[in-house]
N, C-alpha and C. Protein backbone atom coordinates (compact mmCIF):
# COMPACT_ATOMS: atom_id res chain seq x y z
N UNK A 1 82.10 176.34 -44.37
CA UNK A 1 80.84 176.94 -44.05
C UNK A 1 79.72 176.45 -45.06
N UNK A 2 78.48 176.14 -44.57
CA UNK A 2 77.46 175.84 -45.43
C UNK A 2 76.95 176.83 -46.35
N UNK A 3 76.60 176.61 -47.47
CA UNK A 3 75.92 177.52 -48.40
C UNK A 3 74.90 178.55 -47.71
N UNK A 4 74.98 179.74 -48.05
CA UNK A 4 74.10 180.63 -47.19
C UNK A 4 73.68 181.73 -48.07
N UNK A 5 72.40 182.10 -48.11
CA UNK A 5 71.98 183.15 -49.07
C UNK A 5 72.35 184.59 -48.31
N UNK A 6 72.83 185.42 -49.14
CA UNK A 6 73.22 186.77 -48.70
C UNK A 6 72.07 187.80 -49.28
N UNK A 7 71.69 188.55 -48.20
CA UNK A 7 70.60 189.54 -48.34
C UNK A 7 70.99 190.52 -49.58
N UNK A 8 70.17 190.61 -50.65
CA UNK A 8 70.55 191.61 -51.78
C UNK A 8 70.71 192.92 -51.23
N UNK A 9 70.02 193.38 -50.33
CA UNK A 9 70.31 194.68 -49.82
C UNK A 9 71.58 195.08 -49.25
N UNK A 10 72.09 193.87 -48.57
CA UNK A 10 73.49 194.08 -47.96
C UNK A 10 74.59 194.17 -49.12
N UNK A 11 74.46 193.41 -50.17
CA UNK A 11 75.38 193.49 -51.15
C UNK A 11 75.27 194.81 -51.90
N UNK A 12 73.90 195.17 -52.23
CA UNK A 12 73.78 196.47 -53.07
C UNK A 12 74.38 197.61 -52.18
N UNK A 13 74.24 197.56 -50.90
CA UNK A 13 74.76 198.72 -50.03
C UNK A 13 76.30 198.81 -50.12
N UNK A 14 77.05 197.66 -50.31
CA UNK A 14 78.39 197.62 -50.60
C UNK A 14 78.86 198.17 -51.92
N UNK A 15 78.43 197.34 -52.89
CA UNK A 15 78.89 197.54 -54.29
C UNK A 15 78.63 198.74 -54.82
N UNK A 16 77.76 199.81 -54.26
CA UNK A 16 77.60 201.10 -54.80
C UNK A 16 78.16 202.15 -54.18
N UNK A 17 79.28 201.95 -53.30
CA UNK A 17 79.99 202.81 -52.51
C UNK A 17 81.42 203.08 -52.81
N UNK A 18 82.02 204.32 -52.47
CA UNK A 18 83.27 204.49 -52.58
C UNK A 18 83.94 203.91 -51.24
N UNK A 19 85.22 204.02 -51.05
CA UNK A 19 85.95 203.33 -50.08
C UNK A 19 85.50 203.56 -48.59
N UNK A 20 85.07 205.01 -48.35
CA UNK A 20 84.63 205.41 -47.14
C UNK A 20 83.20 204.63 -46.95
N UNK A 21 82.41 204.75 -47.98
CA UNK A 21 81.06 204.16 -47.86
C UNK A 21 81.03 202.70 -47.54
N UNK A 22 81.89 201.96 -48.37
CA UNK A 22 81.96 200.34 -48.08
C UNK A 22 82.36 199.99 -46.91
N UNK A 23 83.39 200.90 -46.29
CA UNK A 23 83.90 200.44 -44.91
C UNK A 23 82.88 200.82 -43.85
N UNK A 24 82.28 201.94 -43.97
CA UNK A 24 81.28 202.36 -43.00
C UNK A 24 80.04 201.58 -43.01
N UNK A 25 79.58 201.34 -44.13
CA UNK A 25 78.38 200.45 -44.45
C UNK A 25 78.63 199.02 -43.90
N UNK A 26 79.62 198.42 -44.31
CA UNK A 26 80.16 197.09 -43.86
C UNK A 26 80.14 196.96 -42.38
N UNK A 27 80.77 197.91 -41.84
CA UNK A 27 80.66 197.86 -40.22
C UNK A 27 79.32 198.19 -39.76
N UNK A 28 78.46 199.09 -40.22
CA UNK A 28 77.02 199.23 -39.86
C UNK A 28 76.37 197.82 -39.84
N UNK A 29 76.44 197.07 -40.91
CA UNK A 29 75.66 195.84 -41.23
C UNK A 29 76.17 194.88 -40.26
N UNK A 30 77.44 194.68 -40.19
CA UNK A 30 78.01 193.73 -39.18
C UNK A 30 77.82 194.00 -37.75
N UNK A 31 77.99 195.20 -37.23
CA UNK A 31 77.53 195.49 -35.98
C UNK A 31 75.93 195.17 -35.68
N UNK A 32 75.09 195.51 -36.54
CA UNK A 32 73.82 195.24 -36.56
C UNK A 32 73.57 193.80 -36.23
N UNK A 33 74.27 192.86 -37.01
CA UNK A 33 74.21 191.48 -36.97
C UNK A 33 74.96 191.00 -35.52
N UNK A 34 75.72 191.74 -35.10
CA UNK A 34 76.38 191.29 -33.72
C UNK A 34 75.15 191.69 -32.73
N UNK A 35 74.64 192.92 -32.89
CA UNK A 35 73.59 193.23 -31.82
C UNK A 35 72.29 192.35 -31.88
N UNK A 36 71.92 191.80 -33.23
CA UNK A 36 70.85 190.80 -33.26
C UNK A 36 71.17 189.46 -32.55
N UNK A 37 72.51 189.09 -32.69
CA UNK A 37 73.02 187.95 -31.97
C UNK A 37 72.95 188.08 -30.41
N UNK A 38 73.32 189.12 -30.00
CA UNK A 38 73.09 189.36 -28.68
C UNK A 38 71.71 189.34 -28.16
N UNK A 39 70.84 190.03 -28.99
CA UNK A 39 69.34 189.96 -28.62
C UNK A 39 68.80 188.63 -28.46
N UNK A 40 69.42 187.66 -29.18
CA UNK A 40 68.92 186.24 -29.14
C UNK A 40 69.68 185.45 -27.81
N UNK A 41 71.07 185.78 -27.64
CA UNK A 41 71.69 185.03 -26.61
C UNK A 41 71.33 185.54 -25.32
N UNK A 42 70.96 186.91 -24.94
CA UNK A 42 70.77 187.24 -23.72
C UNK A 42 69.24 187.36 -23.51
N UNK A 43 68.85 186.80 -22.36
CA UNK A 43 67.33 186.77 -22.11
C UNK A 43 66.74 188.10 -22.06
N UNK A 44 67.31 189.11 -21.41
CA UNK A 44 66.64 190.57 -21.32
C UNK A 44 67.86 191.47 -21.66
N UNK A 45 67.83 191.46 -23.04
CA UNK A 45 69.13 192.43 -23.74
C UNK A 45 68.80 193.96 -23.35
N UNK A 46 67.64 194.43 -23.05
CA UNK A 46 67.28 195.72 -22.74
C UNK A 46 68.06 196.12 -21.34
N UNK A 47 68.30 195.21 -20.61
CA UNK A 47 68.76 195.45 -19.22
C UNK A 47 70.23 195.74 -19.28
N UNK A 48 70.88 195.61 -20.49
CA UNK A 48 72.32 195.88 -20.64
C UNK A 48 72.67 197.30 -20.85
N UNK A 49 73.66 197.71 -20.28
CA UNK A 49 73.93 199.22 -20.47
C UNK A 49 74.66 199.31 -21.95
N UNK A 50 74.65 200.45 -22.35
CA UNK A 50 75.17 200.66 -23.53
C UNK A 50 76.46 200.32 -23.58
N UNK A 51 77.04 199.41 -24.76
CA UNK A 51 78.12 198.71 -24.82
C UNK A 51 78.90 199.29 -26.15
N UNK A 52 80.24 199.58 -25.99
CA UNK A 52 80.98 199.61 -27.21
C UNK A 52 81.10 198.43 -27.89
N UNK A 53 81.44 198.61 -29.33
CA UNK A 53 81.51 197.55 -30.15
C UNK A 53 82.24 196.41 -29.71
N UNK A 54 83.61 196.69 -29.13
CA UNK A 54 84.59 195.67 -28.75
C UNK A 54 83.91 194.93 -27.47
N UNK A 55 83.35 195.78 -26.52
CA UNK A 55 82.57 195.02 -25.47
C UNK A 55 81.54 194.02 -26.03
N UNK A 56 80.73 194.49 -27.00
CA UNK A 56 79.69 193.53 -27.55
C UNK A 56 80.37 192.24 -28.09
N UNK A 57 81.57 192.41 -28.60
CA UNK A 57 82.20 191.32 -29.15
C UNK A 57 82.81 190.31 -28.22
N UNK A 58 83.21 190.85 -26.95
CA UNK A 58 83.74 190.03 -25.96
C UNK A 58 82.48 189.49 -25.25
N UNK A 59 81.42 190.02 -25.09
CA UNK A 59 80.00 189.48 -24.58
C UNK A 59 79.76 188.36 -25.42
N UNK A 60 79.77 188.41 -26.87
CA UNK A 60 79.43 187.39 -27.76
C UNK A 60 80.23 186.14 -27.55
N UNK A 61 81.55 186.31 -27.33
CA UNK A 61 82.44 185.36 -27.04
C UNK A 61 82.15 184.72 -25.67
N UNK A 62 81.82 185.44 -24.69
CA UNK A 62 81.39 184.97 -23.45
C UNK A 62 80.25 184.15 -23.40
N UNK A 63 79.43 184.33 -24.43
CA UNK A 63 78.20 183.70 -24.55
C UNK A 63 78.19 182.45 -25.65
N UNK A 64 79.36 182.13 -25.97
CA UNK A 64 79.72 180.95 -26.78
C UNK A 64 80.07 181.12 -28.26
N UNK A 65 80.35 182.34 -28.70
CA UNK A 65 80.54 182.69 -30.09
C UNK A 65 82.09 182.14 -30.24
N UNK A 66 82.42 181.53 -31.26
CA UNK A 66 83.76 181.15 -31.49
C UNK A 66 84.76 182.18 -31.52
N UNK A 67 85.63 182.05 -30.59
CA UNK A 67 86.62 183.15 -30.25
C UNK A 67 87.58 183.40 -31.49
N UNK A 68 87.79 182.68 -32.47
CA UNK A 68 88.51 182.96 -33.64
C UNK A 68 87.78 184.06 -34.43
N UNK A 69 86.61 184.38 -34.35
CA UNK A 69 85.93 185.40 -34.78
C UNK A 69 86.06 186.85 -34.23
N UNK A 70 86.52 186.74 -32.99
CA UNK A 70 86.64 188.16 -32.36
C UNK A 70 87.72 188.93 -33.07
N UNK A 71 88.97 188.60 -33.39
CA UNK A 71 89.87 189.34 -34.05
C UNK A 71 89.46 189.94 -35.31
N UNK A 72 88.87 189.13 -36.23
CA UNK A 72 88.45 189.73 -37.49
C UNK A 72 87.31 190.74 -37.37
N UNK A 73 86.27 190.53 -36.36
CA UNK A 73 85.41 191.51 -35.97
C UNK A 73 85.93 192.77 -35.50
N UNK A 74 86.92 192.60 -34.53
CA UNK A 74 87.58 193.84 -33.95
C UNK A 74 88.35 194.61 -34.85
N UNK A 75 89.05 193.92 -35.92
CA UNK A 75 89.76 194.56 -36.88
C UNK A 75 88.93 195.28 -37.88
N UNK A 76 87.81 194.91 -38.23
CA UNK A 76 86.89 195.61 -39.03
C UNK A 76 86.32 196.71 -38.17
N UNK A 77 86.17 196.90 -36.94
CA UNK A 77 85.78 197.94 -36.10
C UNK A 77 86.88 199.02 -36.20
N UNK A 78 88.09 198.46 -36.09
CA UNK A 78 89.35 199.33 -36.15
C UNK A 78 89.54 199.94 -37.47
N UNK A 79 89.16 199.19 -38.47
CA UNK A 79 89.39 199.83 -39.92
C UNK A 79 88.16 201.02 -39.93
N UNK A 80 86.95 200.65 -39.48
CA UNK A 80 85.96 201.73 -39.49
C UNK A 80 86.45 202.97 -38.87
N UNK A 81 87.04 202.74 -37.70
CA UNK A 81 87.49 203.97 -37.02
C UNK A 81 88.57 204.71 -37.80
N UNK A 82 89.41 204.01 -38.43
CA UNK A 82 90.37 204.76 -39.17
C UNK A 82 89.53 205.71 -40.21
N UNK A 83 88.58 205.18 -40.93
CA UNK A 83 87.74 205.90 -41.83
C UNK A 83 86.93 206.98 -41.21
N UNK A 84 86.31 206.64 -40.18
CA UNK A 84 85.51 207.58 -39.40
C UNK A 84 86.03 208.72 -39.00
N UNK A 85 87.43 208.55 -38.49
CA UNK A 85 88.35 209.79 -37.97
C UNK A 85 89.12 210.42 -38.97
N UNK A 86 89.22 209.97 -40.13
CA UNK A 86 90.02 210.70 -41.20
C UNK A 86 89.33 210.25 -42.64
N UNK A 87 88.58 211.24 -42.96
CA UNK A 87 87.75 210.96 -44.28
C UNK A 87 88.60 210.78 -45.53
N UNK A 88 89.75 211.18 -45.39
CA UNK A 88 90.86 211.09 -46.50
C UNK A 88 91.48 209.77 -46.68
N UNK A 89 91.16 208.77 -45.78
CA UNK A 89 91.77 207.53 -45.74
C UNK A 89 91.32 206.69 -46.83
N UNK A 90 92.20 206.05 -47.52
CA UNK A 90 91.93 205.17 -48.68
C UNK A 90 92.13 203.66 -48.24
N UNK A 91 91.35 202.77 -49.10
CA UNK A 91 91.26 201.34 -48.70
C UNK A 91 92.59 200.83 -49.54
N UNK A 92 93.56 200.37 -48.81
CA UNK A 92 94.61 200.03 -49.44
C UNK A 92 94.78 198.41 -49.02
N UNK A 93 95.72 197.80 -49.94
CA UNK A 93 95.94 196.33 -49.86
C UNK A 93 96.52 195.99 -48.41
N UNK A 94 97.39 197.09 -47.98
CA UNK A 94 97.84 196.84 -46.38
C UNK A 94 96.75 196.77 -45.50
N UNK A 95 95.68 197.45 -45.72
CA UNK A 95 94.55 197.40 -44.73
C UNK A 95 93.93 195.91 -44.90
N UNK A 96 93.77 195.46 -46.03
CA UNK A 96 92.89 194.29 -46.29
C UNK A 96 93.96 193.24 -45.70
N UNK A 97 95.26 193.35 -45.98
CA UNK A 97 96.25 192.19 -45.56
C UNK A 97 96.13 192.05 -44.02
N UNK A 98 95.96 193.08 -43.37
CA UNK A 98 95.83 193.11 -41.88
C UNK A 98 94.60 192.46 -41.53
N UNK A 99 93.47 192.94 -42.14
CA UNK A 99 92.22 192.29 -41.91
C UNK A 99 92.14 190.81 -41.96
N UNK A 100 92.80 190.42 -43.22
CA UNK A 100 92.72 188.95 -43.75
C UNK A 100 93.49 188.03 -42.82
N UNK A 101 94.65 188.63 -42.24
CA UNK A 101 95.72 187.94 -41.41
C UNK A 101 94.83 187.70 -40.03
N UNK A 102 93.78 188.40 -39.75
CA UNK A 102 93.11 188.11 -38.47
C UNK A 102 92.28 186.92 -38.54
N UNK A 103 92.09 186.55 -39.78
CA UNK A 103 91.14 185.48 -40.05
C UNK A 103 91.81 183.99 -39.84
N UNK A 104 91.21 182.93 -39.22
CA UNK A 104 91.75 181.68 -39.07
C UNK A 104 91.90 181.02 -40.47
N UNK A 105 92.80 180.07 -40.51
CA UNK A 105 93.11 179.44 -41.69
C UNK A 105 91.98 178.82 -42.34
N UNK A 106 91.14 178.06 -41.51
CA UNK A 106 90.07 177.48 -42.00
C UNK A 106 89.00 178.44 -42.65
N UNK A 107 88.59 179.53 -42.08
CA UNK A 107 87.97 180.67 -42.53
C UNK A 107 88.44 181.25 -43.75
N UNK A 108 89.73 181.39 -43.94
CA UNK A 108 90.32 181.98 -45.21
C UNK A 108 90.04 180.86 -46.25
N UNK A 109 89.98 179.67 -45.98
CA UNK A 109 89.57 178.75 -47.12
C UNK A 109 88.05 178.89 -47.51
N UNK A 110 87.37 179.13 -46.33
CA UNK A 110 85.87 179.55 -46.65
C UNK A 110 85.69 180.54 -47.44
N UNK A 111 86.28 181.67 -47.09
CA UNK A 111 86.15 182.96 -47.97
C UNK A 111 86.64 182.74 -49.40
N UNK A 112 87.68 182.06 -49.69
CA UNK A 112 88.15 181.76 -51.02
C UNK A 112 87.28 180.92 -51.84
N UNK A 113 86.78 179.90 -51.22
CA UNK A 113 85.89 179.03 -51.75
C UNK A 113 84.57 179.57 -52.07
N UNK A 114 84.08 180.43 -51.26
CA UNK A 114 82.80 181.17 -51.58
C UNK A 114 82.98 182.11 -52.68
N UNK A 115 84.19 182.65 -52.86
CA UNK A 115 84.57 183.69 -53.95
C UNK A 115 84.42 182.82 -55.23
N UNK A 116 85.19 181.74 -55.36
CA UNK A 116 85.18 180.95 -56.44
C UNK A 116 84.02 180.31 -56.86
N UNK A 117 83.15 179.91 -55.90
CA UNK A 117 81.85 179.47 -56.33
C UNK A 117 81.05 180.64 -56.95
N UNK A 118 81.15 181.79 -56.35
CA UNK A 118 80.34 182.90 -56.73
C UNK A 118 80.70 183.36 -58.19
N UNK A 119 82.06 183.42 -58.28
CA UNK A 119 82.62 183.69 -59.63
C UNK A 119 82.16 182.95 -60.56
N UNK A 120 82.26 181.47 -60.43
CA UNK A 120 81.99 180.62 -61.37
C UNK A 120 80.38 180.66 -61.88
N UNK A 121 79.53 181.07 -60.79
CA UNK A 121 77.95 181.13 -61.07
C UNK A 121 77.70 182.43 -61.72
N UNK A 122 78.41 183.46 -61.57
CA UNK A 122 78.09 184.77 -61.94
C UNK A 122 78.87 185.43 -63.07
N UNK A 123 80.30 185.62 -63.02
CA UNK A 123 81.09 186.10 -64.02
C UNK A 123 82.48 185.54 -63.95
N UNK A 124 82.65 184.70 -65.00
CA UNK A 124 83.93 184.05 -64.96
C UNK A 124 85.16 185.03 -65.42
N UNK A 125 84.73 186.28 -65.70
CA UNK A 125 85.79 187.46 -66.23
C UNK A 125 86.39 187.97 -64.94
N UNK A 126 85.83 187.71 -63.83
CA UNK A 126 86.40 188.26 -62.51
C UNK A 126 87.89 187.52 -62.23
N UNK A 127 88.71 188.12 -61.37
CA UNK A 127 89.82 187.32 -60.97
C UNK A 127 89.71 186.04 -60.83
N UNK A 128 90.49 185.13 -61.07
CA UNK A 128 90.24 183.77 -60.62
C UNK A 128 90.41 183.59 -59.23
N UNK A 129 91.17 184.38 -58.46
CA UNK A 129 91.51 184.15 -57.08
C UNK A 129 91.09 185.21 -56.20
N UNK A 130 90.47 185.00 -55.05
CA UNK A 130 90.00 186.17 -54.09
C UNK A 130 91.20 186.97 -53.89
N UNK A 131 92.43 186.59 -53.79
CA UNK A 131 93.49 187.32 -53.47
C UNK A 131 93.95 188.38 -54.59
N UNK A 132 93.41 188.05 -55.83
CA UNK A 132 93.68 188.95 -56.95
C UNK A 132 92.68 189.99 -57.04
N UNK A 133 91.76 190.10 -56.36
CA UNK A 133 90.76 191.19 -56.33
C UNK A 133 91.37 192.49 -55.67
N UNK A 134 90.82 193.75 -56.14
CA UNK A 134 91.16 194.95 -55.64
C UNK A 134 90.71 194.97 -54.09
N UNK A 135 91.29 195.89 -53.23
CA UNK A 135 90.88 195.77 -51.93
C UNK A 135 89.54 196.02 -51.59
N UNK A 136 88.81 196.80 -52.42
CA UNK A 136 87.29 196.94 -52.24
C UNK A 136 86.60 195.49 -52.33
N UNK A 137 87.01 194.99 -53.47
CA UNK A 137 86.40 193.57 -53.62
C UNK A 137 86.68 192.56 -52.64
N UNK A 138 88.07 192.69 -52.16
CA UNK A 138 88.26 191.70 -51.03
C UNK A 138 87.44 192.09 -49.71
N UNK A 139 87.32 193.49 -49.50
CA UNK A 139 86.53 193.77 -48.28
C UNK A 139 85.06 193.23 -48.43
N UNK A 140 84.52 193.38 -49.67
CA UNK A 140 83.20 192.95 -49.88
C UNK A 140 83.07 191.40 -49.53
N UNK A 141 84.09 190.71 -50.03
CA UNK A 141 84.02 189.38 -49.72
C UNK A 141 84.26 188.84 -48.31
N UNK A 142 85.17 189.58 -47.73
CA UNK A 142 85.25 189.48 -46.24
C UNK A 142 84.01 189.69 -45.59
N UNK A 143 83.34 190.81 -45.88
CA UNK A 143 82.07 191.20 -45.28
C UNK A 143 81.09 190.26 -45.60
N UNK A 144 80.96 189.77 -46.67
CA UNK A 144 79.88 188.66 -47.00
C UNK A 144 80.22 187.52 -46.21
N UNK A 145 81.41 186.91 -46.07
CA UNK A 145 81.67 185.83 -45.05
C UNK A 145 81.25 186.25 -43.78
N UNK A 146 81.57 187.40 -43.17
CA UNK A 146 81.23 187.65 -41.82
C UNK A 146 79.83 187.67 -41.61
N UNK A 147 79.14 188.33 -42.61
CA UNK A 147 77.62 188.58 -42.54
C UNK A 147 76.95 187.20 -42.38
N UNK A 148 77.41 186.41 -43.46
CA UNK A 148 76.75 184.94 -43.28
C UNK A 148 77.11 184.16 -42.16
N UNK A 149 78.35 184.27 -41.65
CA UNK A 149 78.85 183.57 -40.47
C UNK A 149 77.86 184.07 -39.26
N UNK A 150 77.52 185.32 -39.13
CA UNK A 150 76.82 185.70 -38.00
C UNK A 150 75.34 185.44 -38.20
N UNK A 151 74.86 185.46 -39.47
CA UNK A 151 73.53 184.96 -39.74
C UNK A 151 73.29 183.44 -39.27
N UNK A 152 74.37 182.66 -39.49
CA UNK A 152 74.39 181.13 -39.16
C UNK A 152 74.44 181.16 -37.60
N UNK A 153 75.28 181.99 -36.84
CA UNK A 153 75.29 181.91 -35.43
C UNK A 153 73.93 182.44 -34.84
N UNK A 154 73.14 183.34 -35.51
CA UNK A 154 71.77 183.68 -35.06
C UNK A 154 70.97 182.52 -35.12
N UNK A 155 70.98 181.85 -36.32
CA UNK A 155 70.13 180.81 -36.43
C UNK A 155 70.31 179.55 -35.44
N UNK A 156 71.68 179.35 -35.18
CA UNK A 156 72.08 178.35 -34.26
C UNK A 156 71.58 178.79 -32.83
N UNK A 157 71.54 179.98 -32.56
CA UNK A 157 71.15 180.53 -31.26
C UNK A 157 69.80 180.46 -30.90
N UNK A 158 69.24 180.71 -32.14
CA UNK A 158 67.55 180.69 -32.08
C UNK A 158 67.12 179.18 -31.76
N UNK A 159 67.81 178.18 -32.55
CA UNK A 159 67.42 176.87 -32.48
C UNK A 159 67.77 176.36 -30.95
N UNK A 160 68.93 176.74 -30.40
CA UNK A 160 69.38 176.45 -29.05
C UNK A 160 68.28 176.97 -27.98
N UNK A 161 67.88 178.19 -28.21
CA UNK A 161 67.09 178.81 -27.26
C UNK A 161 65.61 178.18 -27.20
N UNK A 162 65.22 177.70 -28.39
CA UNK A 162 63.81 177.04 -28.51
C UNK A 162 63.92 175.67 -27.91
N UNK A 163 65.22 174.93 -27.98
CA UNK A 163 65.37 173.77 -27.31
C UNK A 163 65.49 173.82 -25.83
N UNK A 164 65.82 174.85 -25.29
CA UNK A 164 66.09 175.17 -23.97
C UNK A 164 64.67 175.64 -23.29
N UNK A 165 63.73 175.97 -24.04
CA UNK A 165 62.39 176.51 -23.36
C UNK A 165 61.65 175.18 -22.69
N UNK A 166 61.46 175.51 -21.39
CA UNK A 166 60.75 174.21 -20.68
C UNK A 166 59.47 173.89 -21.19
N UNK A 167 59.19 172.67 -21.30
CA UNK A 167 58.00 172.17 -21.80
C UNK A 167 56.89 172.63 -20.77
N UNK A 168 55.57 172.99 -21.27
CA UNK A 168 54.76 173.42 -20.26
C UNK A 168 53.68 172.21 -20.00
N UNK A 169 53.93 171.03 -20.35
CA UNK A 169 53.06 169.85 -20.10
C UNK A 169 52.99 169.38 -18.83
């Protein structure tokens, strides 16, 4: 993935939270990005009925989103549901292993490379490898990758929609 700037409000919302907060806020930001993508892809999005999160993901795939993103996005929604329905849930390595297992091998490389680049630029005292982070740090890295990926998809969709506008000449 190309270098992409991450909005500071996104990172600030995640770093300042406990497990419940980071999972719920991650999902809120990601679902908002999915909604924004649909708003770009669909000519009249207000005509859609109210859709559940998984339905939105399937619609994005039907509109051209890389299908390898479906499972990581769905797993994030499933993790959010675990936390939303049981406030005593703790973010464990098992949850992160399941989340990361849903990511394609190429995207795993992107996540690790992004972490290593960020670590080198910010704090070399952090663990050398993404996989050595605590679960919360791994979730933040995963969420940062997903958010940047969705931002890039939005930019691409905007460019495609502009190029498809009929010339009025």
